Amino acid sequence: MSIKVIQQEIIDAFSMFDDWMERYEYLIELGKSLNLIKPEFQTDDNLIKGCQSKVWIHAELKNDKIVYTANSDAILTKGIIALLLQVFSDKTPQEILDADTVFIDQIGLKEHLSPTRANGLVSMIKQIKWYALAYQAKIKN
């Protein structure tokens, strides 16, 4: 399934909720389905800088697609990273690099986060894209 299709499904899912308390609950539920990072990868090297909570992300290239795993010590943040991985995991590096993140604005996520959580969201996206850039360079060599 393409990134655009997944993003539209997320927009549709969020539009079903009347208020942000319901959307937060949905994010927390998403966090429960997160593809968890293996304990040996939950290190300082995989810790995302700029997040209020601790968030670890790891990426592996499998069959020319990046598979991300992650974890967080905060339930809402776990949901946010789960949402991002739903979009970007199991995609080629080029698909990830070419993708926009307009869906985040369309569901109103950034505007309903505290400034520090919003900064963390940006840091998570940067890290996901950084892994894609690194694997893209590796594939070309």
C-alpha atoms as a PDB file:
ATOM      1  CA  MET A   1       0.000   0.000   0.000  1.00  0.00           C
ATOM      2  CA  SER A   2       1.407   3.409  -0.902  1.00  0.00           C
ATOM      3  CA  ILE A   3       2.303   6.067   1.648  1.00  0.00           C
ATOM      4  CA  LYS A   4      -0.375   8.390   0.245  1.00  0.00           C
ATOM      5  CA  VAL A   5      -3.071   5.719   0.686  1.00  0.00           C
ATOM      6  CA  ILE A   6      -1.961   5.015   4.272  1.00  0.00           C
ATOM      7  CA  GLN A   7      -1.944   8.740   5.048  1.00  0.00           C
ATOM      8  CA  GLN A   8      -5.471   9.100   3.664  1.00  0.00           C
ATOM      9  CA  GLU A   9      -6.627   6.172   5.801  1.00  0.00           C
ATOM     10  CA  ILE A  10      -5.185   7.917   8.857  1.00  0.00           C
ATOM     11  CA  ILE A  11      -6.937  11.178   7.925  1.00  0.00           C
ATOM     12  CA  ASP A  12     -10.204   9.267   7.513  1.00  0.00           C
ATOM     13  CA  ALA A  13      -9.756   7.473  10.846  1.00  0.00           C
ATOM     14  CA  PHE A  14      -9.075  10.714  12.720  1.00  0.00           C
ATOM     15  CA  SER A  15     -12.060  12.429  11.098  1.00  0.00           C
ATOM     16  CA  MET A  16     -14.362   9.893  12.776  1.00  0.00           C
ATOM     17  CA  PHE A  17     -13.617  11.373  16.204  1.00  0.00           C
ATOM     18  CA  ASP A  18     -15.498  14.400  17.477  1.00  0.00           C
ATOM     19  CA  ASP A  19     -12.881  15.824  19.806  1.00  0.00           C
ATOM     20  CA  TRP A  20      -9.220  15.636  20.682  1.00  0.00           C
ATOM     21  CA  MET A  21      -9.702  13.539  23.809  1.00  0.00           C
ATOM     22  CA  GLU A  22     -11.014  10.748  21.567  1.00  0.00           C
ATOM     23  CA  ARG A  23      -8.107  11.267  19.172  1.00  0.00           C
ATOM     24  CA  TYR A  24      -5.602  11.071  22.038  1.00  0.00           C
ATOM     25  CA  GLU A  25      -7.227   7.815  23.144  1.00  0.00           C
ATOM     26  CA  TYR A  26      -6.917   6.521  19.583  1.00  0.00           C
ATOM     27  CA  LEU A  27      -3.209   7.447  19.534  1.00  0.00           C
ATOM     28  CA  ILE A  28      -2.694   5.625  22.825  1.00  0.00           C
ATOM     29  CA  GLU A  29      -4.387   2.545  21.332  1.00  0.00           C
ATOM     30  CA  LEU A  30      -2.101   2.776  18.289  1.00  0.00           C
ATOM     31  CA  GLY A  31       0.865   2.752  20.640  1.00  0.00           C
ATOM     32  CA  LYS A  32      -0.190  -0.658  21.921  1.00  0.00           C
ATOM     33  CA  SER A  33       0.322  -2.098  18.426  1.00  0.00           C
ATOM     34  CA  LEU A  34       3.787  -0.574  17.986  1.00  0.00           C
ATOM     35  CA  ASN A  35       6.416  -2.827  16.424  1.00  0.00           C
ATOM     36  CA  LEU A  36       8.684  -2.730  19.489  1.00  0.00           C
ATOM     37  CA  ILE A  37      12.406  -2.251  19.233  1.00  0.00           C
ATOM     38  CA  LYS A  38      14.489  -5.156  20.526  1.00  0.00           C
ATOM     39  CA  PRO A  39      16.026  -4.420  23.942  1.00  0.00           C
ATOM     40  CA  GLU A  40      19.560  -4.576  22.537  1.00  0.00           C
ATOM     41  CA  PHE A  41      18.722  -1.658  20.193  1.00  0.00           C
ATOM     42  CA  GLN A  42      17.172   0.451  22.955  1.00  0.00           C
ATOM     43  CA  THR A  43      20.441   2.346  23.415  1.00  0.00           C
ATOM     44  CA  ASP A  44      21.537   5.970  23.564  1.00  0.00           C
ATOM     45  CA  ASP A  45      22.595   5.724  19.898  1.00  0.00           C
ATOM     46  CA  ASN A  46      18.971   5.060  18.916  1.00  0.00           C
ATOM     47  CA  LEU A  47      17.489   7.658  21.259  1.00  0.00           C
ATOM     48  CA  ILE A  48      15.843  10.523  19.394  1.00  0.00           C
ATOM     49  CA  LYS A  49      17.223  13.870  20.489  1.00  0.00           C
ATOM     50  CA  GLY A  50      14.737  16.694  21.003  1.00  0.00           C
ATOM     51  CA  CYS A  51      11.883  14.673  22.467  1.00  0.00           C
ATOM     52  CA  GLN A  52      10.363  15.433  25.850  1.00  0.00           C
ATOM     53  CA  SER A  53       9.967  11.698  26.432  1.00  0.00           C
ATOM     54  CA  LYS A  54      12.470   9.001  25.653  1.00  0.00           C
ATOM     55  CA  VAL A  55      11.920   7.599  22.164  1.00  0.00           C
ATOM     56  CA  TRP A  56      14.117   4.958  20.588  1.00  0.00           C
ATOM     57  CA  ILE A  57      13.962   4.080  16.903  1.00  0.00           C
ATOM     58  CA  HIS A  58      15.843   1.461  14.950  1.00  0.00           C
ATOM     59  CA  ALA A  59      15.817   0.743  11.229  1.00  0.00           C
ATOM     60  CA  GLU A  60      16.837  -2.289   9.211  1.00  0.00           C
ATOM     61  CA  LEU A  61      16.877  -2.746   5.469  1.00  0.00           C
ATOM     62  CA  LYS A  62      15.005  -5.910   4.429  1.00  0.00           C
ATOM     63  CA  ASN A  63      14.343  -6.676   0.770  1.00  0.00           C
ATOM     64  CA  ASP A  64      15.211  -3.063  -0.150  1.00  0.00           C
ATOM     65  CA  LYS A  65      12.580  -1.736   2.285  1.00  0.00           C
ATOM     66  CA  ILE A  66      13.190  -0.139   5.647  1.00  0.00           C
ATOM     67  CA  VAL A  67      11.556  -1.782   8.636  1.00  0.00           C
ATOM     68  CA  TYR A  68      11.405   0.480  11.663  1.00  0.00           C
ATOM     69  CA  THR A  69      10.945  -0.543  15.269  1.00  0.00           C
ATOM     70  CA  ALA A  70      10.567   1.857  18.170  1.00  0.00           C
ATOM     71  CA  ASN A  71       9.568   2.366  21.766  1.00  0.00           C
ATOM     72  CA  SER A  72       8.885   5.207  24.162  1.00  0.00           C
ATOM     73  CA  ASP A  73       8.544   5.639  27.893  1.00  0.00           C
ATOM     74  CA  ALA A  74       5.369   7.732  27.427  1.00  0.00           C
ATOM     75  CA  ILE A  75       2.075   6.274  26.201  1.00  0.00           C
ATOM     76  CA  LEU A  76       1.085   9.243  24.024  1.00  0.00           C
ATOM     77  CA  THR A  77       4.525   9.432  22.441  1.00  0.00           C
ATOM     78  CA  LYS A  78       4.384   5.696  21.805  1.00  0.00           C
ATOM     79  CA  GLY A  79       1.168   6.333  19.865  1.00  0.00           C
ATOM     80  CA  ILE A  80       2.730   9.149  17.864  1.00  0.00           C
ATOM     81  CA  ILE A  81       5.725   7.062  16.806  1.00  0.00           C
ATOM     82  CA  ALA A  82       3.376   4.136  16.034  1.00  0.00           C
ATOM     83  CA  LEU A  83       1.405   6.452  13.739  1.00  0.00           C
ATOM     84  CA  LEU A  84       4.596   7.494  11.924  1.00  0.00           C
ATOM     85  CA  LEU A  85       5.807   3.918  11.568  1.00  0.00           C
ATOM     86  CA  GLN A  86       2.427   2.908  10.184  1.00  0.00           C
ATOM     87  CA  VAL A  87       3.146   5.346   7.344  1.00  0.00           C
ATOM     88  CA  PHE A  88       6.861   4.869   6.779  1.00  0.00           C
ATOM     89  CA  SER A  89       7.810   1.331   7.821  1.00  0.00           C
ATOM     90  CA  ASP A  90       8.185  -1.327   5.125  1.00  0.00           C
ATOM     91  CA  LYS A  91       8.745   1.267   2.387  1.00  0.00           C
ATOM     92  CA  THR A  92      11.754   1.854   0.159  1.00  0.00           C
ATOM     93  CA  PRO A  93      14.167   4.606   1.149  1.00  0.00           C
ATOM     94  CA  GLN A  94      13.122   6.614  -1.930  1.00  0.00           C
ATOM     95  CA  GLU A  95       9.418   6.351  -1.069  1.00  0.00           C
ATOM     96  CA  ILE A  96      10.174   7.656   2.428  1.00  0.00           C
ATOM     97  CA  LEU A  97      12.352  10.497   1.157  1.00  0.00           C
ATOM     98  CA  ASP A  98       9.737  11.527  -1.430  1.00  0.00           C
ATOM     99  CA  ALA A  99       6.838  11.457   1.052  1.00  0.00           C
ATOM    100  CA  ASP A 100       5.421  14.569   2.607  1.00  0.00           C
ATOM    101  CA  THR A 101       3.957  14.760   6.090  1.00  0.00           C
ATOM    102  CA  VAL A 102       0.988  16.997   5.311  1.00  0.00           C
ATOM    103  CA  PHE A 103      -1.315  14.387   6.853  1.00  0.00           C
ATOM    104  CA  ILE A 104      -0.020  15.463  10.289  1.00  0.00           C
ATOM    105  CA  ASP A 105      -1.386  18.969   9.716  1.00  0.00           C
ATOM    106  CA  GLN A 106      -4.578  17.598   8.171  1.00  0.00           C
ATOM    107  CA  ILE A 107      -5.399  15.574  11.284  1.00  0.00           C
ATOM    108  CA  GLY A 108      -4.440  18.561  13.462  1.00  0.00           C
ATOM    109  CA  LEU A 109      -1.854  16.633  15.437  1.00  0.00           C
ATOM    110  CA  LYS A 110       0.894  19.235  15.664  1.00  0.00           C
ATOM    111  CA  GLU A 111      -1.458  22.000  16.828  1.00  0.00           C
ATOM    112  CA  HIS A 112      -2.826  19.792  19.630  1.00  0.00           C
ATOM    113  CA  LEU A 113       0.562  18.871  21.064  1.00  0.00           C
ATOM    114  CA  SER A 114       2.541  20.822  23.610  1.00  0.00           C
ATOM    115  CA  PRO A 115       5.472  22.733  22.050  1.00  0.00           C
ATOM    116  CA  THR A 116       7.958  20.184  23.392  1.00  0.00           C
ATOM    117  CA  ARG A 117       5.923  17.233  22.029  1.00  0.00           C
ATOM    118  CA  ALA A 118       5.580  19.031  18.672  1.00  0.00           C
ATOM    119  CA  ASN A 119       9.370  19.437  18.590  1.00  0.00           C
ATOM    120  CA  GLY A 120       9.675  15.746  19.388  1.00  0.00           C
ATOM    121  CA  LEU A 121       7.358  14.898  16.498  1.00  0.00           C
ATOM    122  CA  VAL A 122       9.596  16.868  14.128  1.00  0.00           C
ATOM    123  CA  SER A 123      12.650  15.086  15.552  1.00  0.00           C
ATOM    124  CA  MET A 124      11.015  11.685  14.978  1.00  0.00           C
ATOM    125  CA  ILE A 125      10.278  12.532  11.342  1.00  0.00           C
ATOM    126  CA  LYS A 126      13.835  13.802  10.830  1.00  0.00           C
ATOM    127  CA  GLN A 127      15.251  10.560  12.233  1.00  0.00           C
ATOM    128  CA  ILE A 128      12.995   8.427  10.026  1.00  0.00           C
ATOM    129  CA  LYS A 129      14.080  10.437   6.967  1.00  0.00           C
ATOM    130  CA  TRP A 130      17.736  10.302   8.049  1.00  0.00           C
ATOM    131  CA  TYR A 131      17.631   6.497   8.118  1.00  0.00           C
ATOM    132  CA  ALA A 132      16.039   6.532   4.653  1.00  0.00           C
ATOM    133  CA  LEU A 133      18.777   8.820   3.345  1.00  0.00           C
ATOM    134  CA  ALA A 134      21.505   6.608   4.834  1.00  0.00           C
ATOM    135  CA  TYR A 135      20.015   3.422   3.369  1.00  0.00           C
ATOM    136  CA  GLN A 136      19.421   5.118   0.010  1.00  0.00           C
ATOM    137  CA  ALA A 137      23.135   5.976  -0.149  1.00  0.00           C
ATOM    138  CA  LYS A 138      24.031   2.414   0.842  1.00  0.00           C
ATOM    139  CA  ILE A 139      21.831   0.938  -1.900  1.00  0.00           C
ATOM    140  CA  LYS A 140      23.391   3.184  -4.572  1.00  0.00           C
ATOM    141  CA  ASN A 141      26.928   2.130  -3.617  1.00  0.00           C
END
